[in-house]
PDB file of N, CA and C in Angstrom:
ATOM      1  N   MET A   1      68.586 189.799  43.991  1.00  0.00           N
ATOM      2  CA  MET A   1      69.338 189.878  42.761  1.00  0.00           C
ATOM      3  C   MET A   1      69.899 191.291  42.576  1.00  0.00           C
ATOM      4  N   ASP A   2      69.107 192.317  42.898  1.00  0.00           N
ATOM      5  CA  ASP A   2      69.617 193.685  42.757  1.00  0.00           C
ATOM      6  C   ASP A   2      70.841 193.917  43.630  1.00  0.00           C
ATOM      7  N   LYS A   3      70.832 193.366  44.860  1.00  0.00           N
ATOM      8  CA  LYS A   3      71.979 193.551  45.753  1.00  0.00           C
ATOM      9  C   LYS A   3      73.216 192.829  45.224  1.00  0.00           C
ATOM     10  N   ILE A   4      73.013 191.711  44.559  1.00  0.00           N
ATOM     11  CA  ILE A   4      74.158 191.036  43.931  1.00  0.00           C
ATOM     12  C   ILE A   4      74.659 191.900  42.778  1.00  0.00           C
ATOM     13  N   LYS A   5      73.743 192.361  41.940  1.00  0.00           N
ATOM     14  CA  LYS A   5      74.135 193.141  40.763  1.00  0.00           C
ATOM     15  C   LYS A   5      74.864 194.426  41.133  1.00  0.00           C
ATOM     16  N   ASP A   6      74.374 195.129  42.181  1.00  0.00           N
ATOM     17  CA  ASP A   6      75.007 196.413  42.507  1.00  0.00           C
ATOM     18  C   ASP A   6      76.122 196.295  43.547  1.00  0.00           C
ATOM     19  N   GLY A   7      76.399 195.056  44.006  1.00  0.00           N
ATOM     20  CA  GLY A   7      77.503 194.832  44.920  1.00  0.00           C
ATOM     21  C   GLY A   7      77.215 195.167  46.373  1.00  0.00           C
ATOM     22  N   SER A   8      75.955 195.403  46.720  1.00  0.00           N
ATOM     23  CA  SER A   8      75.624 195.798  48.096  1.00  0.00           C
ATOM     24  C   SER A   8      75.244 194.628  49.007  1.00  0.00           C
ATOM     25  N   LEU A   9      75.245 193.402  48.487  1.00  0.00           N
ATOM     26  CA  LEU A   9      74.931 192.243  49.315  1.00  0.00           C
ATOM     27  C   LEU A   9      76.020 192.084  50.375  1.00  0.00           C
ATOM     28  N   LYS A  10      75.627 191.990  51.645  1.00  0.00           N
ATOM     29  CA  LYS A  10      76.597 191.941  52.747  1.00  0.00           C
ATOM     30  C   LYS A  10      77.208 190.545  52.925  1.00  0.00           C
ATOM     31  N   TYR A  11      76.435 189.512  52.685  1.00  0.00           N
ATOM     32  CA  TYR A  11      76.936 188.142  52.752  1.00  0.00           C
ATOM     33  C   TYR A  11      76.056 187.264  51.879  1.00  0.00           C
ATOM     34  N   ALA A  12      76.580 186.120  51.503  1.00  0.00           N
ATOM     35  CA  ALA A  12      75.824 185.165  50.695  1.00  0.00           C
ATOM     36  C   ALA A  12      75.746 183.850  51.458  1.00  0.00           C
ATOM     37  N   THR A  13      74.705 183.100  51.186  1.00  0.00           N
ATOM     38  CA  THR A  13      74.507 181.841  51.904  1.00  0.00           C
ATOM     39  C   THR A  13      74.721 180.645  50.982  1.00  0.00           C
ATOM     40  N   ARG A  14      74.653 179.483  51.598  1.00  0.00           N
ATOM     41  CA  ARG A  14      74.781 178.230  50.871  1.00  0.00           C
ATOM     42  C   ARG A  14      73.407 177.666  50.498  1.00  0.00           C
ATOM     43  N   HIS A  15      72.362 178.458  50.723  1.00  0.00           N
ATOM     44  CA  HIS A  15      71.024 178.025  50.323  1.00  0.00           C
ATOM     45  C   HIS A  15      70.972 177.879  48.808  1.00  0.00           C
ATOM     46  N   ILE A  16      70.175 176.942  48.354  1.00  0.00           N
ATOM     47  CA  ILE A  16      70.017 176.728  46.918  1.00  0.00           C
ATOM     48  C   ILE A  16      68.731 177.408  46.486  1.00  0.00           C
ATOM     49  N   ARG A  17      68.841 178.246  45.466  1.00  0.00           N
ATOM     50  CA  ARG A  17      67.690 178.994  44.974  1.00  0.00           C
ATOM     51  C   ARG A  17      67.558 178.828  43.465  1.00  0.00           C
ATOM     52  N   ASP A  18      66.318 178.834  43.024  1.00  0.00           N
ATOM     53  CA  ASP A  18      65.976 178.724  41.608  1.00  0.00           C
ATOM     54  C   ASP A  18      65.541 180.115  41.150  1.00  0.00           C
ATOM     55  N   PHE A  19      66.463 180.851  40.564  1.00  0.00           N
ATOM     56  CA  PHE A  19      66.169 182.205  40.104  1.00  0.00           C
ATOM     57  C   PHE A  19      65.635 182.155  38.684  1.00  0.00           C
ATOM     58  N   ILE A  20      64.538 182.869  38.438  1.00  0.00           N
ATOM     59  CA  ILE A  20      63.936 182.900  37.106  1.00  0.00           C
ATOM     60  C   ILE A  20      63.689 184.347  36.713  1.00  0.00           C
ATOM     61  N   HIS A  21      63.948 184.659  35.473  1.00  0.00           N
ATOM     62  CA  HIS A  21      63.749 186.007  34.942  1.00  0.00           C
ATOM     63  C   HIS A  21      62.258 186.248  34.698  1.00  0.00           C
ATOM     64  N   ILE A  22      61.826 187.457  34.877  1.00  0.00           N
ATOM     65  CA  ILE A  22      60.406 187.806  34.706  1.00  0.00           C
ATOM     66  C   ILE A  22      59.907 187.469  33.296  1.00  0.00           C
ATOM     67  N   ASP A  23      60.748 187.610  32.284  1.00  0.00           N
ATOM     68  CA  ASP A  23      60.324 187.266  30.923  1.00  0.00           C
ATOM     69  C   ASP A  23      59.948 185.786  30.826  1.00  0.00           C
ATOM     70  N   ASP A  24      60.692 184.931  31.532  1.00  0.00           N
ATOM     71  CA  ASP A  24      60.369 183.506  31.541  1.00  0.00           C
ATOM     72  C   ASP A  24      59.106 183.229  32.348  1.00  0.00           C
ATOM     73  N   VAL A  25      58.888 183.973  33.420  1.00  0.00           N
ATOM     74  CA  VAL A  25      57.651 183.816  34.202  1.00  0.00           C
ATOM     75  C   VAL A  25      56.440 184.146  33.326  1.00  0.00           C
ATOM     76  N   ILE A  26      56.545 185.214  32.577  1.00  0.00           N
ATOM     77  CA  ILE A  26      55.441 185.617  31.689  1.00  0.00           C
ATOM     78  C   ILE A  26      55.181 184.537  30.639  1.00  0.00           C
ATOM     79  N   GLN A  27      56.241 183.974  30.079  1.00  0.00           N
ATOM     80  CA  GLN A  27      56.088 182.888  29.104  1.00  0.00           C
ATOM     81  C   GLN A  27      55.358 181.699  29.739  1.00  0.00           C
ATOM     82  N   ALA A  28      55.716 181.358  30.972  1.00  0.00           N
ATOM     83  CA  ALA A  28      55.073 180.235  31.670  1.00  0.00           C
ATOM     84  C   ALA A  28      53.594 180.525  31.908  1.00  0.00           C
ATOM     85  N   ILE A  29      53.292 181.725  32.349  1.00  0.00           N
ATOM     86  CA  ILE A  29      51.888 182.091  32.593  1.00  0.00           C
ATOM     87  C   ILE A  29      51.089 182.048  31.289  1.00  0.00           C
ATOM     88  N   ASP A  30      51.670 182.524  30.205  1.00  0.00           N
ATOM     89  CA  ASP A  30      50.998 182.454  28.899  1.00  0.00           C
ATOM     90  C   ASP A  30      50.653 181.009  28.545  1.00  0.00           C
ATOM     91  N   ARG A  31      51.594 180.103  28.758  1.00  0.00           N
ATOM     92  CA  ARG A  31      51.350 178.694  28.438  1.00  0.00           C
ATOM     93  C   ARG A  31      50.247 178.109  29.313  1.00  0.00           C
ATOM     94  N   ILE A  32      50.237 178.469  30.589  1.00  0.00           N
ATOM     95  CA  ILE A  32      49.186 177.982  31.491  1.00  0.00           C
ATOM     96  C   ILE A  32      47.830 178.548  31.072  1.00  0.00           C
ATOM     97  N   MET A  33      47.783 179.822  30.750  1.00  0.00           N
ATOM     98  CA  MET A  33      46.518 180.449  30.347  1.00  0.00           C
ATOM     99  C   MET A  33      45.964 179.804  29.078  1.00  0.00           C
ATOM    100  N   LEU A  34      46.826 179.523  28.122  1.00  0.00           N
ATOM    101  CA  LEU A  34      46.377 178.850  26.902  1.00  0.00           C
ATOM    102  C   LEU A  34      45.820 177.469  27.221  1.00  0.00           C
ATOM    103  N   LYS A  35      46.456 176.776  28.145  1.00  0.00           N
ATOM    104  CA  LYS A  35      46.014 175.430  28.506  1.00  0.00           C
ATOM    105  C   LYS A  35      44.668 175.472  29.226  1.00  0.00           C
ATOM    106  N   ILE A  36      44.509 176.341  30.207  1.00  0.00           N
ATOM    107  CA  ILE A  36      43.278 176.326  31.000  1.00  0.00           C
ATOM    108  C   ILE A  36      42.096 176.953  30.270  1.00  0.00           C
ATOM    109  N   THR A  37      42.347 177.659  29.175  1.00  0.00           N
ATOM    110  CA  THR A  37      41.230 178.198  28.401  1.00  0.00           C
ATOM    111  C   THR A  37      40.860 177.293  27.232  1.00  0.00           C
ATOM    112  N   ASP A  38      41.523 176.149  27.148  1.00  0.00           N
ATOM    113  CA  ASP A  38      41.191 175.151  26.136  1.00  0.00           C
ATOM    114  C   ASP A  38      39.750 174.690  26.386  1.00  0.00           C
ATOM    115  N   PRO A  39      38.846 174.830  25.388  1.00  0.00           N
ATOM    116  CA  PRO A  39      37.440 174.454  25.597  1.00  0.00           C
ATOM    117  C   PRO A  39      37.253 173.019  26.084  1.00  0.00           C
ATOM    118  N   GLY A  40      38.147 172.133  25.734  1.00  0.00           N
ATOM    119  CA  GLY A  40      38.031 170.746  26.171  1.00  0.00           C
ATOM    120  C   GLY A  40      38.328 170.565  27.654  1.00  0.00           C
ATOM    121  N   LEU A  41      38.863 171.604  28.298  1.00  0.00           N
ATOM    122  CA  LEU A  41      39.228 171.493  29.711  1.00  0.00           C
ATOM    123  C   LEU A  41      38.312 172.279  30.638  1.00  0.00           C
ATOM    124  N   ILE A  42      37.308 172.953  30.092  1.00  0.00           N
ATOM    125  CA  ILE A  42      36.437 173.802  30.906  1.00  0.00           C
ATOM    126  C   ILE A  42      35.833 173.016  32.068  1.00  0.00           C
ATOM    127  N   ASP A  43      35.392 171.806  31.839  1.00  0.00           N
ATOM    128  CA  ASP A  43      34.770 171.017  32.894  1.00  0.00           C
ATOM    129  C   ASP A  43      35.736 170.032  33.549  1.00  0.00           C
ATOM    130  N   ALA A  44      37.017 170.214  33.321  1.00  0.00           N
ATOM    131  CA  ALA A  44      38.007 169.305  33.928  1.00  0.00           C
ATOM    132  C   ALA A  44      37.906 169.403  35.448  1.00  0.00           C
ATOM    133  N   PRO A  45      37.949 168.273  36.131  1.00  0.00           N
ATOM    134  CA  PRO A  45      37.743 168.276  37.581  1.00  0.00           C
ATOM    135  C   PRO A  45      38.850 168.973  38.378  1.00  0.00           C
ATOM    136  N   LEU A  46      40.084 168.812  37.986  1.00  0.00           N
ATOM    137  CA  LEU A  46      41.172 169.394  38.759  1.00  0.00           C
ATOM    138  C   LEU A  46      42.355 169.647  37.849  1.00  0.00           C
ATOM    139  N   ARG A  47      42.872 170.845  37.936  1.00  0.00           N
ATOM    140  CA  ARG A  47      44.063 171.180  37.153  1.00  0.00           C
ATOM    141  C   ARG A  47      45.275 171.074  38.060  1.00  0.00           C
ATOM    142  N   PRO A  48      46.435 170.711  37.506  1.00  0.00           N
ATOM    143  CA  PRO A  48      47.620 170.601  38.368  1.00  0.00           C
ATOM    144  C   PRO A  48      48.097 171.973  38.835  1.00  0.00           C
ATOM    145  N   ALA A  49      48.821 171.981  39.936  1.00  0.00           N
ATOM    146  CA  ALA A  49      49.531 173.188  40.361  1.00  0.00           C
ATOM    147  C   ALA A  49      50.836 173.210  39.569  1.00  0.00           C
ATOM    148  N   TYR A  50      51.230 174.379  39.134  1.00  0.00           N
ATOM    149  CA  TYR A  50      52.449 174.500  38.340  1.00  0.00           C
ATOM    150  C   TYR A  50      53.514 175.234  39.127  1.00  0.00           C
ATOM    151  N   ASP A  51      54.655 174.589  39.347  1.00  0.00           N
ATOM    152  CA  ASP A  51      55.831 175.293  39.848  1.00  0.00           C
ATOM    153  C   ASP A  51      56.402 176.038  38.656  1.00  0.00           C
ATOM    154  N   ILE A  52      56.725 177.294  38.856  1.00  0.00           N
ATOM    155  CA  ILE A  52      57.360 178.067  37.783  1.00  0.00           C
ATOM    156  C   ILE A  52      58.766 178.408  38.240  1.00  0.00           C
ATOM    157  N   GLY A  53      59.722 177.938  37.485  1.00  0.00           N
ATOM    158  CA  GLY A  53      61.129 178.174  37.771  1.00  0.00           C
ATOM    159  C   GLY A  53      61.937 177.644  36.616  1.00  0.00           C
ATOM    160  N   THR A  54      63.226 177.581  36.808  1.00  0.00           N
ATOM    161  CA  THR A  54      64.087 177.056  35.747  1.00  0.00           C
ATOM    162  C   THR A  54      64.304 175.559  35.899  1.00  0.00           C
ATOM    163  N   GLY A  55      64.074 175.069  37.122  1.00  0.00           N
ATOM    164  CA  GLY A  55      64.365 173.672  37.406  1.00  0.00           C
ATOM    165  C   GLY A  55      65.820 173.452  37.780  1.00  0.00           C
ATOM    166  N   THR A  56      66.589 174.539  37.838  1.00  0.00           N
ATOM    167  CA  THR A  56      68.001 174.473  38.200  1.00  0.00           C
ATOM    168  C   THR A  56      68.230 175.353  39.422  1.00  0.00           C
ATOM    169  N   GLY A  57      68.815 174.779  40.453  1.00  0.00           N
ATOM    170  CA  GLY A  57      69.123 175.546  41.652  1.00  0.00           C
ATOM    171  C   GLY A  57      70.598 175.880  41.723  1.00  0.00           C
ATOM    172  N   TYR A  58      70.892 177.059  42.235  1.00  0.00           N
ATOM    173  CA  TYR A  58      72.269 177.500  42.453  1.00  0.00           C
ATOM    174  C   TYR A  58      72.429 177.910  43.904  1.00  0.00           C
ATOM    175  N   MET A  59      73.569 177.595  44.496  1.00  0.00           N
ATOM    176  CA  MET A  59      73.855 178.142  45.814  1.00  0.00           C
ATOM    177  C   MET A  59      74.005 179.648  45.640  1.00  0.00           C
ATOM    178  N   VAL A  60      73.392 180.388  46.548  1.00  0.00           N
ATOM    179  CA  VAL A  60      73.398 181.848  46.430  1.00  0.00           C
ATOM    180  C   VAL A  60      74.833 182.373  46.320  1.00  0.00           C
ATOM    181  N   TYR A  61      75.742 181.801  47.087  1.00  0.00           N
ATOM    182  CA  TYR A  61      77.111 182.309  47.039  1.00  0.00           C
ATOM    183  C   TYR A  61      77.757 182.098  45.667  1.00  0.00           C
ATOM    184  N   GLU A  62      77.371 181.032  44.936  1.00  0.00           N
ATOM    185  CA  GLU A  62      77.928 180.802  43.601  1.00  0.00           C
ATOM    186  C   GLU A  62      77.585 181.954  42.661  1.00  0.00           C
ATOM    187  N   LEU A  63      76.407 182.515  42.850  1.00  0.00           N
ATOM    188  CA  LEU A  63      76.002 183.640  42.020  1.00  0.00           C
ATOM    189  C   LEU A  63      76.628 184.934  42.514  1.00  0.00           C
ATOM    190  N   ALA A  64      76.675 185.087  43.835  1.00  0.00           N
ATOM    191  CA  ALA A  64      77.204 186.328  44.412  1.00  0.00           C
ATOM    192  C   ALA A  64      78.660 186.558  44.032  1.00  0.00           C
ATOM    193  N   ILE A  65      79.459 185.505  44.008  1.00  0.00           N
ATOM    194  CA  ILE A  65      80.888 185.703  43.712  1.00  0.00           C
ATOM    195  C   ILE A  65      81.149 186.133  42.266  1.00  0.00           C
ATOM    196  N   ILE A  66      80.145 186.009  41.415  1.00  0.00           N
ATOM    197  CA  ILE A  66      80.292 186.508  40.042  1.00  0.00           C
ATOM    198  C   ILE A  66      80.487 188.019  40.063  1.00  0.00           C
ATOM    199  N   LYS A  67      79.743 188.704  40.936  1.00  0.00           N
ATOM    200  CA  LYS A  67      79.811 190.160  41.014  1.00  0.00           C
ATOM    201  C   LYS A  67      80.603 190.660  42.215  1.00  0.00           C
ATOM    202  N   ILE A  68      80.675 189.843  43.278  1.00  0.00           N
ATOM    203  CA  ILE A  68      81.338 190.269  44.518  1.00  0.00           C
ATOM    204  C   ILE A  68      82.307 189.153  44.929  1.00  0.00           C
ATOM    205  N   PRO A  69      83.468 189.073  44.296  1.00  0.00           N
ATOM    206  CA  PRO A  69      84.376 187.951  44.508  1.00  0.00           C
ATOM    207  C   PRO A  69      84.773 187.678  45.967  1.00  0.00           C
ATOM    208  N   GLY A  70      84.918 188.682  46.793  1.00  0.00           N
ATOM    209  CA  GLY A  70      85.371 188.467  48.168  1.00  0.00           C
ATOM    210  C   GLY A  70      84.253 188.412  49.196  1.00  0.00           C
ATOM    211  N   ILE A  71      83.034 188.170  48.773  1.00  0.00           N
ATOM    212  CA  ILE A  71      81.892 188.222  49.686  1.00  0.00           C
ATOM    213  C   ILE A  71      81.997 187.177  50.797  1.00  0.00           C
ATOM    214  N   ASP A  72      81.502 187.548  51.978  1.00  0.00           N
ATOM    215  CA  ASP A  72      81.450 186.643  53.129  1.00  0.00           C
ATOM    216  C   ASP A  72      80.401 185.565  52.834  1.00  0.00           C
ATOM    217  N   ILE A  73      80.775 184.307  53.033  1.00  0.00           N
ATOM    218  CA  ILE A  73      79.859 183.196  52.768  1.00  0.00           C
ATOM    219  C   ILE A  73      79.473 182.565  54.096  1.00  0.00           C
ATOM    220  N   ARG A  74      78.150 182.457  54.314  1.00  0.00           N
ATOM    221  CA  ARG A  74      77.618 181.905  55.562  1.00  0.00           C
ATOM    222  C   ARG A  74      76.676 180.750  55.252  1.00  0.00           C
ATOM    223  N   PHE A  75      76.320 180.028  56.318  1.00  0.00           N
ATOM    224  CA  PHE A  75      75.388 178.919  56.146  1.00  0.00           C
ATOM    225  C   PHE A  75      73.944 179.382  56.066  1.00  0.00           C
ATOM    226  N   GLY A  76      73.606 180.521  56.638  1.00  0.00           N
ATOM    227  CA  GLY A  76      72.234 181.015  56.590  1.00  0.00           C
ATOM    228  C   GLY A  76      71.397 180.464  57.727  1.00  0.00           C
ATOM    229  N   ASP A  77      70.167 180.937  57.804  1.00  0.00           N
ATOM    230  CA  ASP A  77      69.269 180.557  58.890  1.00  0.00           C
ATOM    231  C   ASP A  77      68.623 179.206  58.643  1.00  0.00           C
ATOM    232  N   ASP A  78      68.497 178.428  59.717  1.00  0.00           N
ATOM    233  CA  ASP A  78      67.851 177.124  59.629  1.00  0.00           C
ATOM    234  C   ASP A  78      66.372 177.231  59.279  1.00  0.00           C
ATOM    235  N   CYS A  79      65.767 178.382  59.579  1.00  0.00           N
ATOM    236  CA  CYS A  79      64.328 178.532  59.324  1.00  0.00           C
ATOM    237  C   CYS A  79      64.017 178.705  57.835  1.00  0.00           C
ATOM    238  N   GLU A  80      65.019 178.928  57.030  1.00  0.00           N
ATOM    239  CA  GLU A  80      64.808 179.077  55.592  1.00  0.00           C
ATOM    240  C   GLU A  80      64.901 177.722  54.899  1.00  0.00           C
ATOM    241  N   ALA A  81      64.144 177.581  53.836  1.00  0.00           N
ATOM    242  CA  ALA A  81      64.250 176.365  53.027  1.00  0.00           C
ATOM    243  C   ALA A  81      65.677 176.260  52.499  1.00  0.00           C
ATOM    244  N   GLN A  82      66.253 175.084  52.602  1.00  0.00           N
ATOM    245  CA  GLN A  82      67.622 174.899  52.112  1.00  0.00           C
ATOM    246  C   GLN A  82      67.680 174.889  50.587  1.00  0.00           C
ATOM    247  N   ASP A  83      66.608 174.429  49.962  1.00  0.00           N
ATOM    248  CA  ASP A  83      66.596 174.289  48.506  1.00  0.00           C
ATOM    249  C   ASP A  83      65.177 174.557  48.005  1.00  0.00           C
ATOM    250  N   ASN A  84      65.018 175.560  47.163  1.00  0.00           N
ATOM    251  CA  ASN A  84      63.694 175.845  46.621  1.00  0.00           C
ATOM    252  C   ASN A  84      63.627 175.626  45.106  1.00  0.00           C
ATOM    253  N   THR A  85      64.465 174.739  44.604  1.00  0.00           N
ATOM    254  CA  THR A  85      64.464 174.461  43.169  1.00  0.00           C
ATOM    255  C   THR A  85      63.085 173.952  42.745  1.00  0.00           C
ATOM    256  N   ALA A  86      62.530 174.583  41.735  1.00  0.00           N
ATOM    257  CA  ALA A  86      61.187 174.242  41.269  1.00  0.00           C
ATOM    258  C   ALA A  86      61.165 172.888  40.566  1.00  0.00           C
ATOM    259  N   ASP A  87      60.084 172.153  40.795  1.00  0.00           N
ATOM    260  CA  ASP A  87      59.827 170.928  40.035  1.00  0.00           C
ATOM    261  C   ASP A  87      59.001 171.363  38.827  1.00  0.00           C
ATOM    262  N   ILE A  88      59.638 171.458  37.686  1.00  0.00           N
ATOM    263  CA  ILE A  88      58.973 172.028  36.515  1.00  0.00           C
ATOM    264  C   ILE A  88      58.375 170.970  35.587  1.00  0.00           C
ATOM    265  N   THR A  89      58.170 169.776  36.101  1.00  0.00           N
ATOM    266  CA  THR A  89      57.637 168.678  35.289  1.00  0.00           C
ATOM    267  C   THR A  89      56.337 169.065  34.595  1.00  0.00           C
ATOM    268  N   HIS A  90      55.368 169.590  35.348  1.00  0.00           N
ATOM    269  CA  HIS A  90      54.053 169.913  34.762  1.00  0.00           C
ATOM    270  C   HIS A  90      54.131 171.055  33.754  1.00  0.00           C
ATOM    271  N   ILE A  91      54.898 172.085  34.061  1.00  0.00           N
ATOM    272  CA  ILE A  91      54.978 173.224  33.145  1.00  0.00           C
ATOM    273  C   ILE A  91      55.744 172.849  31.875  1.00  0.00           C
ATOM    274  N   GLN A  92      56.690 171.914  31.982  1.00  0.00           N
ATOM    275  CA  GLN A  92      57.397 171.448  30.780  1.00  0.00           C
ATOM    276  C   GLN A  92      56.457 170.694  29.860  1.00  0.00           C
ATOM    277  N   GLU A  93      55.457 170.022  30.433  1.00  0.00           N
ATOM    278  CA  GLU A  93      54.474 169.313  29.610  1.00  0.00           C
ATOM    279  C   GLU A  93      53.688 170.271  28.727  1.00  0.00           C
ATOM    280  N   LEU A  94      53.674 171.549  29.087  1.00  0.00           N
ATOM    281  CA  LEU A  94      53.000 172.573  28.272  1.00  0.00           C
ATOM    282  C   LEU A  94      53.967 173.205  27.272  1.00  0.00           C
ATOM    283  N   GLY A  95      55.198 172.704  27.225  1.00  0.00           N
ATOM    284  CA  GLY A  95      56.192 173.219  26.287  1.00  0.00           C
ATOM    285  C   GLY A  95      57.062 174.323  26.845  1.00  0.00           C
ATOM    286  N   PHE A  96      56.986 174.578  28.146  1.00  0.00           N
ATOM    287  CA  PHE A  96      57.786 175.644  28.746  1.00  0.00           C
ATOM    288  C   PHE A  96      59.241 175.232  28.904  1.00  0.00           C
ATOM    289  N   LYS A  97      60.117 176.178  28.614  1.00  0.00           N
ATOM    290  CA  LYS A  97      61.543 176.024  28.874  1.00  0.00           C
ATOM    291  C   LYS A  97      62.076 177.424  29.140  1.00  0.00           C
ATOM    292  N   SER A  98      62.749 177.590  30.260  1.00  0.00           N
ATOM    293  CA  SER A  98      63.302 178.918  30.553  1.00  0.00           C
ATOM    294  C   SER A  98      64.374 179.251  29.515  1.00  0.00           C
ATOM    295  N   THR A  99      64.502 180.539  29.236  1.00  0.00           N
ATOM    296  CA  THR A  99      65.429 180.977  28.191  1.00  0.00           C
ATOM    297  C   THR A  99      66.581 181.814  28.727  1.00  0.00           C
ATOM    298  N   ILE A 100      66.470 182.275  29.976  1.00  0.00           N
ATOM    299  CA  ILE A 100      67.491 183.160  30.535  1.00  0.00           C
ATOM    300  C   ILE A 100      68.133 182.472  31.739  1.00  0.00           C
ATOM    301  N   ASP A 101      69.416 182.173  31.631  1.00  0.00           N
ATOM    302  CA  ASP A 101      70.161 181.547  32.718  1.00  0.00           C
ATOM    303  C   ASP A 101      70.677 182.631  33.653  1.00  0.00           C
ATOM    304  N   VAL A 102      70.503 182.446  34.949  1.00  0.00           N
ATOM    305  CA  VAL A 102      70.865 183.474  35.917  1.00  0.00           C
ATOM    306  C   VAL A 102      72.364 183.784  35.896  1.00  0.00           C
ATOM    307  N   LYS A 103      73.210 182.801  35.700  1.00  0.00           N
ATOM    308  CA  LYS A 103      74.657 183.073  35.651  1.00  0.00           C
ATOM    309  C   LYS A 103      74.999 183.918  34.427  1.00  0.00           C
ATOM    310  N   ASP A 104      74.427 183.570  33.280  1.00  0.00           N
ATOM    311  CA  ASP A 104      74.649 184.372  32.064  1.00  0.00           C
ATOM    312  C   ASP A 104      74.135 185.793  32.269  1.00  0.00           C
ATOM    313  N   TYR A 105      72.983 185.909  32.902  1.00  0.00           N
ATOM    314  CA  TYR A 105      72.382 187.219  33.161  1.00  0.00           C
ATOM    315  C   TYR A 105      73.313 188.076  34.010  1.00  0.00           C
ATOM    316  N   LEU A 106      73.823 187.517  35.106  1.00  0.00           N
ATOM    317  CA  LEU A 106      74.705 188.277  35.988  1.00  0.00           C
ATOM    318  C   LEU A 106      76.001 188.681  35.279  1.00  0.00           C
ATOM    319  N   GLN A 107      76.539 187.770  34.496  1.00  0.00           N
ATOM    320  CA  GLN A 107      77.784 188.069  33.805  1.00  0.00           C
ATOM    321  C   GLN A 107      77.609 189.151  32.748  1.00  0.00           C
ATOM    322  N   SER A 108      76.398 189.311  32.233  1.00  0.00           N
ATOM    323  CA  SER A 108      76.152 190.316  31.193  1.00  0.00           C
ATOM    324  C   SER A 108      75.814 191.693  31.763  1.00  0.00           C
ATOM    325  N   GLN A 109      75.621 191.772  33.060  1.00  0.00           N
ATOM    326  CA  GLN A 109      75.213 193.040  33.687  1.00  0.00           C
ATOM    327  C   GLN A 109      76.416 193.901  34.027  1.00  0.00           C
TER     328      GLN A 109
END
């Protein structure tokens, strides 16, 4: 994200990424901590794993062109996950909703 913001990114890929702001990560962790410290859950056999993200994926190049309009766009390496969009079903059940959209964030920088 810093390389996109400062214009130093050399190329962007078509990989789909779920970018989340640290403030939203902290909000998600707070919600999980409140849930797992609930006295009624102390002896619960298994707690779910929580994906933390926005639940929305963007192609990296879609974000890069906001700050670097003429950037070289490539397909990227096959060894990388093509799409890492988080499944936020479980964290939404705790009332989580991201508040900072990555496109809005980039446009405001």
